[in-house]
Amino acid sequence: MCESTVFLDAGGEVREVMRDVTRITMNGSQAVCVDIVGEQVILDDVALKEANLLSHGIVFVKNVER
């Protein structure tokens, strides 16, 4: 299967957000993650940091206001 796990890096702390993600749609700085059964998790104010297609891991980083 081709599902991935989504992680969020917030201030250097990386945590798992969702498993079995089959689709990610970006709307500006908002990422809408949908899993294999259609459940959604919305990440606000993020940017893509890394997509490792071999290990099926996708990391978003929380934008930090300066």
PDB file of N, CA and C in Angstrom:
ATOM      1  N   MET A   1       0.837  -1.184   0.000  1.00  0.00           N
ATOM      2  CA  MET A   1       0.000   0.000   0.000  1.00  0.00           C
ATOM      3  C   MET A   1       0.882   1.247   0.000  1.00  0.00           C
ATOM      4  N   CYS A   2       0.277   2.368  -0.288  1.00  0.00           N
ATOM      5  CA  CYS A   2       1.033   3.607  -0.436  1.00  0.00           C
ATOM      6  C   CYS A   2       0.639   4.662   0.593  1.00  0.00           C
ATOM      7  N   GLU A   3       0.133   4.261   1.733  1.00  0.00           N
ATOM      8  CA  GLU A   3      -0.237   5.236   2.753  1.00  0.00           C
ATOM      9  C   GLU A   3       1.015   5.781   3.425  1.00  0.00           C
ATOM     10  N   SER A   4       0.883   6.984   3.967  1.00  0.00           N
ATOM     11  CA  SER A   4       2.005   7.622   4.647  1.00  0.00           C
ATOM     12  C   SER A   4       1.591   8.049   6.044  1.00  0.00           C
ATOM     13  N   THR A   5       2.590   8.388   6.843  1.00  0.00           N
ATOM     14  CA  THR A   5       2.368   8.947   8.170  1.00  0.00           C
ATOM     15  C   THR A   5       2.776  10.407   8.131  1.00  0.00           C
ATOM     16  N   VAL A   6       1.931  11.274   8.685  1.00  0.00           N
ATOM     17  CA  VAL A   6       2.191  12.708   8.708  1.00  0.00           C
ATOM     18  C   VAL A   6       2.683  13.095  10.096  1.00  0.00           C
ATOM     19  N   PHE A   7       3.748  13.896  10.111  1.00  0.00           N
ATOM     20  CA  PHE A   7       4.338  14.402  11.343  1.00  0.00           C
ATOM     21  C   PHE A   7       4.314  15.924  11.310  1.00  0.00           C
ATOM     22  N   LEU A   8       4.319  16.547  12.491  1.00  0.00           N
ATOM     23  CA  LEU A   8       4.385  17.999  12.606  1.00  0.00           C
ATOM     24  C   LEU A   8       5.570  18.378  13.472  1.00  0.00           C
ATOM     25  N   ASP A   9       6.424  19.235  12.915  1.00  0.00           N
ATOM     26  CA  ASP A   9       7.577  19.792  13.634  1.00  0.00           C
ATOM     27  C   ASP A   9       7.165  21.169  14.133  1.00  0.00           C
ATOM     28  N   ALA A  10       6.972  21.294  15.428  1.00  0.00           N
ATOM     29  CA  ALA A  10       6.575  22.566  16.039  1.00  0.00           C
ATOM     30  C   ALA A  10       7.638  22.961  17.046  1.00  0.00           C
ATOM     31  N   GLY A  11       8.463  23.911  16.670  1.00  0.00           N
ATOM     32  CA  GLY A  11       9.515  24.377  17.571  1.00  0.00           C
ATOM     33  C   GLY A  11      10.583  23.337  17.838  1.00  0.00           C
ATOM     34  N   GLY A  12      10.853  22.473  16.868  1.00  0.00           N
ATOM     35  CA  GLY A  12      11.876  21.452  17.043  1.00  0.00           C
ATOM     36  C   GLY A  12      11.374  20.151  17.641  1.00  0.00           C
ATOM     37  N   GLU A  13      10.126  20.138  18.096  1.00  0.00           N
ATOM     38  CA  GLU A  13       9.523  18.916  18.637  1.00  0.00           C
ATOM     39  C   GLU A  13       8.657  18.294  17.547  1.00  0.00           C
ATOM     40  N   VAL A  14       9.016  17.079  17.130  1.00  0.00           N
ATOM     41  CA  VAL A  14       8.292  16.398  16.056  1.00  0.00           C
ATOM     42  C   VAL A  14       7.344  15.378  16.662  1.00  0.00           C
ATOM     43  N   ARG A  15       6.071  15.459  16.265  1.00  0.00           N
ATOM     44  CA  ARG A  15       5.088  14.496  16.770  1.00  0.00           C
ATOM     45  C   ARG A  15       4.266  13.943  15.612  1.00  0.00           C
ATOM     46  N   GLU A  16       3.829  12.711  15.779  1.00  0.00           N
ATOM     47  CA  GLU A  16       2.977  12.076  14.775  1.00  0.00           C
ATOM     48  C   GLU A  16       1.585  12.692  14.828  1.00  0.00           C
ATOM     49  N   VAL A  17       1.045  12.994  13.652  1.00  0.00           N
ATOM     50  CA  VAL A  17      -0.275  13.607  13.569  1.00  0.00           C
ATOM     51  C   VAL A  17      -1.323  12.618  13.063  1.00  0.00           C
ATOM     52  N   MET A  18      -0.964  11.839  12.046  1.00  0.00           N
ATOM     53  CA  MET A  18      -1.954  10.946  11.440  1.00  0.00           C
ATOM     54  C   MET A  18      -1.261   9.824  10.683  1.00  0.00           C
ATOM     55  N   ARG A  19      -1.828   8.615  10.774  1.00  0.00           N
ATOM     56  CA  ARG A  19      -1.312   7.458  10.030  1.00  0.00           C
ATOM     57  C   ARG A  19      -2.234   7.137   8.863  1.00  0.00           C
ATOM     58  N   ASP A  20      -1.739   6.323   7.967  1.00  0.00           N
ATOM     59  CA  ASP A  20      -2.511   5.818   6.825  1.00  0.00           C
ATOM     60  C   ASP A  20      -3.090   6.935   5.957  1.00  0.00           C
ATOM     61  N   VAL A  21      -2.315   8.008   5.781  1.00  0.00           N
ATOM     62  CA  VAL A  21      -2.747   9.142   4.967  1.00  0.00           C
ATOM     63  C   VAL A  21      -2.610   8.778   3.487  1.00  0.00           C
ATOM     64  N   THR A  22      -3.690   9.018   2.752  1.00  0.00           N
ATOM     65  CA  THR A  22      -3.688   8.715   1.324  1.00  0.00           C
ATOM     66  C   THR A  22      -3.711   9.961   0.460  1.00  0.00           C
ATOM     67  N   ARG A  23      -4.046  11.111   1.073  1.00  0.00           N
ATOM     68  CA  ARG A  23      -4.161  12.343   0.290  1.00  0.00           C
ATOM     69  C   ARG A  23      -3.875  13.557   1.164  1.00  0.00           C
ATOM     70  N   ILE A  24      -3.118  14.501   0.611  1.00  0.00           N
ATOM     71  CA  ILE A  24      -2.857  15.777   1.279  1.00  0.00           C
ATOM     72  C   ILE A  24      -3.134  16.877   0.267  1.00  0.00           C
ATOM     73  N   THR A  25      -3.967  17.824   0.658  1.00  0.00           N
ATOM     74  CA  THR A  25      -4.277  18.968  -0.190  1.00  0.00           C
ATOM     75  C   THR A  25      -3.827  20.229   0.532  1.00  0.00           C
ATOM     76  N   MET A  26      -3.071  21.061  -0.165  1.00  0.00           N
ATOM     77  CA  MET A  26      -2.626  22.329   0.413  1.00  0.00           C
ATOM     78  C   MET A  26      -3.554  23.453  -0.042  1.00  0.00           C
ATOM     79  N   ASN A  27      -3.994  24.246   0.916  1.00  0.00           N
ATOM     80  CA  ASN A  27      -4.778  25.455   0.655  1.00  0.00           C
ATOM     81  C   ASN A  27      -4.029  26.609   1.302  1.00  0.00           C
ATOM     82  N   GLY A  28      -3.118  27.214   0.555  1.00  0.00           N
ATOM     83  CA  GLY A  28      -2.252  28.234   1.140  1.00  0.00           C
ATOM     84  C   GLY A  28      -1.323  27.577   2.131  1.00  0.00           C
ATOM     85  N   SER A  29      -1.400  27.977   3.397  1.00  0.00           N
ATOM     86  CA  SER A  29      -0.548  27.388   4.434  1.00  0.00           C
ATOM     87  C   SER A  29      -1.306  26.371   5.284  1.00  0.00           C
ATOM     88  N   GLN A  30      -2.425  25.886   4.754  1.00  0.00           N
ATOM     89  CA  GLN A  30      -3.227  24.876   5.450  1.00  0.00           C
ATOM     90  C   GLN A  30      -3.106  23.544   4.706  1.00  0.00           C
ATOM     91  N   ALA A  31      -2.790  22.477   5.451  1.00  0.00           N
ATOM     92  CA  ALA A  31      -2.702  21.142   4.875  1.00  0.00           C
ATOM     93  C   ALA A  31      -3.893  20.317   5.347  1.00  0.00           C
ATOM     94  N   VAL A  32      -4.640  19.767   4.401  1.00  0.00           N
ATOM     95  CA  VAL A  32      -5.771  18.903   4.717  1.00  0.00           C
ATOM     96  C   VAL A  32      -5.327  17.470   4.438  1.00  0.00           C
ATOM     97  N   CYS A  33      -5.214  16.672   5.488  1.00  0.00           N
ATOM     98  CA  CYS A  33      -4.741  15.287   5.388  1.00  0.00           C
ATOM     99  C   CYS A  33      -5.941  14.363   5.518  1.00  0.00           C
ATOM    100  N   VAL A  34      -6.056  13.411   4.575  1.00  0.00           N
ATOM    101  CA  VAL A  34      -7.171  12.470   4.569  1.00  0.00           C
ATOM    102  C   VAL A  34      -6.611  11.059   4.638  1.00  0.00           C
ATOM    103  N   ASP A  35      -7.173  10.254   5.537  1.00  0.00           N
ATOM    104  CA  ASP A  35      -6.670   8.887   5.677  1.00  0.00           C
ATOM    105  C   ASP A  35      -7.467   7.911   4.825  1.00  0.00           C
ATOM    106  N   ILE A  36      -7.133   6.653   4.945  1.00  0.00           N
ATOM    107  CA  ILE A  36      -7.690   5.601   4.097  1.00  0.00           C
ATOM    108  C   ILE A  36      -9.194   5.422   4.269  1.00  0.00           C
ATOM    109  N   VAL A  37      -9.749   5.811   5.426  1.00  0.00           N
ATOM    110  CA  VAL A  37     -11.192   5.685   5.648  1.00  0.00           C
ATOM    111  C   VAL A  37     -11.929   7.016   5.494  1.00  0.00           C
ATOM    112  N   GLY A  38     -11.210   8.056   5.057  1.00  0.00           N
ATOM    113  CA  GLY A  38     -11.839   9.345   4.776  1.00  0.00           C
ATOM    114  C   GLY A  38     -11.831  10.343   5.908  1.00  0.00           C
ATOM    115  N   GLU A  39     -11.246   9.998   7.050  1.00  0.00           N
ATOM    116  CA  GLU A  39     -11.162  10.969   8.149  1.00  0.00           C
ATOM    117  C   GLU A  39     -10.137  12.041   7.806  1.00  0.00           C
ATOM    118  N   GLN A  40     -10.354  13.254   8.310  1.00  0.00           N
ATOM    119  CA  GLN A  40      -9.492  14.389   7.991  1.00  0.00           C
ATOM    120  C   GLN A  40      -8.833  14.977   9.228  1.00  0.00           C
ATOM    121  N   VAL A  41      -7.619  15.466   9.022  1.00  0.00           N
ATOM    122  CA  VAL A  41      -6.930  16.295  10.005  1.00  0.00           C
ATOM    123  C   VAL A  41      -6.456  17.524   9.243  1.00  0.00           C
ATOM    124  N   ILE A  42      -6.733  18.698   9.792  1.00  0.00           N
ATOM    125  CA  ILE A  42      -6.325  19.948   9.152  1.00  0.00           C
ATOM    126  C   ILE A  42      -5.210  20.573   9.968  1.00  0.00           C
ATOM    127  N   LEU A  43      -4.098  20.855   9.292  1.00  0.00           N
ATOM    128  CA  LEU A  43      -2.960  21.523   9.925  1.00  0.00           C
ATOM    129  C   LEU A  43      -2.923  22.948   9.412  1.00  0.00           C
ATOM    130  N   ASP A  44      -3.038  23.902  10.326  1.00  0.00           N
ATOM    131  CA  ASP A  44      -3.028  25.317   9.952  1.00  0.00           C
ATOM    132  C   ASP A  44      -1.636  25.910  10.088  1.00  0.00           C
ATOM    133  N   ASP A  45      -1.326  26.841   9.181  1.00  0.00           N
ATOM    134  CA  ASP A  45      -0.086  27.622   9.230  1.00  0.00           C
ATOM    135  C   ASP A  45       1.147  26.718   9.196  1.00  0.00           C
ATOM    136  N   VAL A  46       1.207  25.830   8.200  1.00  0.00           N
ATOM    137  CA  VAL A  46       2.322  24.904   8.052  1.00  0.00           C
ATOM    138  C   VAL A  46       2.946  25.005   6.662  1.00  0.00           C
ATOM    139  N   ALA A  47       4.155  24.470   6.562  1.00  0.00           N
ATOM    140  CA  ALA A  47       4.853  24.339   5.286  1.00  0.00           C
ATOM    141  C   ALA A  47       5.454  22.938   5.238  1.00  0.00           C
ATOM    142  N   LEU A  48       5.604  22.413   4.029  1.00  0.00           N
ATOM    143  CA  LEU A  48       6.208  21.096   3.876  1.00  0.00           C
ATOM    144  C   LEU A  48       7.693  21.182   4.183  1.00  0.00           C
ATOM    145  N   LYS A  49       8.153  20.303   5.059  1.00  0.00           N
ATOM    146  CA  LYS A  49       9.568  20.256   5.424  1.00  0.00           C
ATOM    147  C   LYS A  49      10.258  19.108   4.700  1.00  0.00           C
ATOM    148  N   GLU A  50       9.620  17.919   4.700  1.00  0.00           N
ATOM    149  CA  GLU A  50      10.228  16.749   4.078  1.00  0.00           C
ATOM    150  C   GLU A  50       9.156  15.753   3.680  1.00  0.00           C
ATOM    151  N   ALA A  51       9.343  15.132   2.513  1.00  0.00           N
ATOM    152  CA  ALA A  51       8.503  14.021   2.080  1.00  0.00           C
ATOM    153  C   ALA A  51       9.439  12.876   1.737  1.00  0.00           C
ATOM    154  N   ASN A  52       9.509  11.882   2.610  1.00  0.00           N
ATOM    155  CA  ASN A  52      10.369  10.722   2.386  1.00  0.00           C
ATOM    156  C   ASN A  52       9.492   9.600   1.843  1.00  0.00           C
ATOM    157  N   LEU A  53       9.549   9.411   0.538  1.00  0.00           N
ATOM    158  CA  LEU A  53       8.663   8.448  -0.101  1.00  0.00           C
ATOM    159  C   LEU A  53       9.099   7.010   0.128  1.00  0.00           C
ATOM    160  N   LEU A  54      10.355   6.801   0.494  1.00  0.00           N
ATOM    161  CA  LEU A  54      10.809   5.437   0.808  1.00  0.00           C
ATOM    162  C   LEU A  54      10.275   4.963   2.150  1.00  0.00           C
ATOM    163  N   SER A  55      10.283   5.855   3.143  1.00  0.00           N
ATOM    164  CA  SER A  55       9.808   5.459   4.477  1.00  0.00           C
ATOM    165  C   SER A  55       8.352   5.858   4.720  1.00  0.00           C
ATOM    166  N   HIS A  56       7.714   6.477   3.720  1.00  0.00           N
ATOM    167  CA  HIS A  56       6.304   6.875   3.798  1.00  0.00           C
ATOM    168  C   HIS A  56       6.051   7.874   4.925  1.00  0.00           C
ATOM    169  N   GLY A  57       7.002   8.784   5.128  1.00  0.00           N
ATOM    170  CA  GLY A  57       6.858   9.815   6.151  1.00  0.00           C
ATOM    171  C   GLY A  57       6.835  11.199   5.533  1.00  0.00           C
ATOM    172  N   ILE A  58       5.892  12.016   5.964  1.00  0.00           N
ATOM    173  CA  ILE A  58       5.765  13.385   5.481  1.00  0.00           C
ATOM    174  C   ILE A  58       5.800  14.295   6.700  1.00  0.00           C
ATOM    175  N   VAL A  59       6.708  15.274   6.674  1.00  0.00           N
ATOM    176  CA  VAL A  59       6.884  16.172   7.813  1.00  0.00           C
ATOM    177  C   VAL A  59       6.509  17.591   7.402  1.00  0.00           C
ATOM    178  N   PHE A  60       5.609  18.181   8.170  1.00  0.00           N
ATOM    179  CA  PHE A  60       5.262  19.588   8.011  1.00  0.00           C
ATOM    180  C   PHE A  60       5.893  20.345   9.168  1.00  0.00           C
ATOM    181  N   VAL A  61       6.234  21.595   8.927  1.00  0.00           N
ATOM    182  CA  VAL A  61       6.777  22.442   9.978  1.00  0.00           C
ATOM    183  C   VAL A  61       5.797  23.571  10.231  1.00  0.00           C
ATOM    184  N   LYS A  62       5.556  23.853  11.505  1.00  0.00           N
ATOM    185  CA  LYS A  62       4.665  24.931  11.906  1.00  0.00           C
ATOM    186  C   LYS A  62       5.375  26.240  11.664  1.00  0.00           C
ATOM    187  N   ASN A  63       4.737  27.150  10.941  1.00  0.00           N
ATOM    188  CA  ASN A  63       5.326  28.461  10.681  1.00  0.00           C
ATOM    189  C   ASN A  63       5.376  29.252  11.980  1.00  0.00           C
ATOM    190  N   VAL A  64       6.520  29.835  12.241  1.00  0.00           N
ATOM    191  CA  VAL A  64       6.725  30.599  13.467  1.00  0.00           C
ATOM    192  C   VAL A  64       6.778  32.076  13.114  1.00  0.00           C
ATOM    193  N   GLU A  65       5.936  32.862  13.752  1.00  0.00           N
ATOM    194  CA  GLU A  65       5.951  34.307  13.523  1.00  0.00           C
ATOM    195  C   GLU A  65       7.156  34.909  14.220  1.00  0.00           C
ATOM    196  N   ARG A  66       7.805  35.809  13.554  1.00  0.00           N
ATOM    197  CA  ARG A  66       9.010  36.449  14.117  1.00  0.00           C
ATOM    198  C   ARG A  66       8.712  37.852  14.536  1.00  0.00           C
TER     199      ARG A  66
END
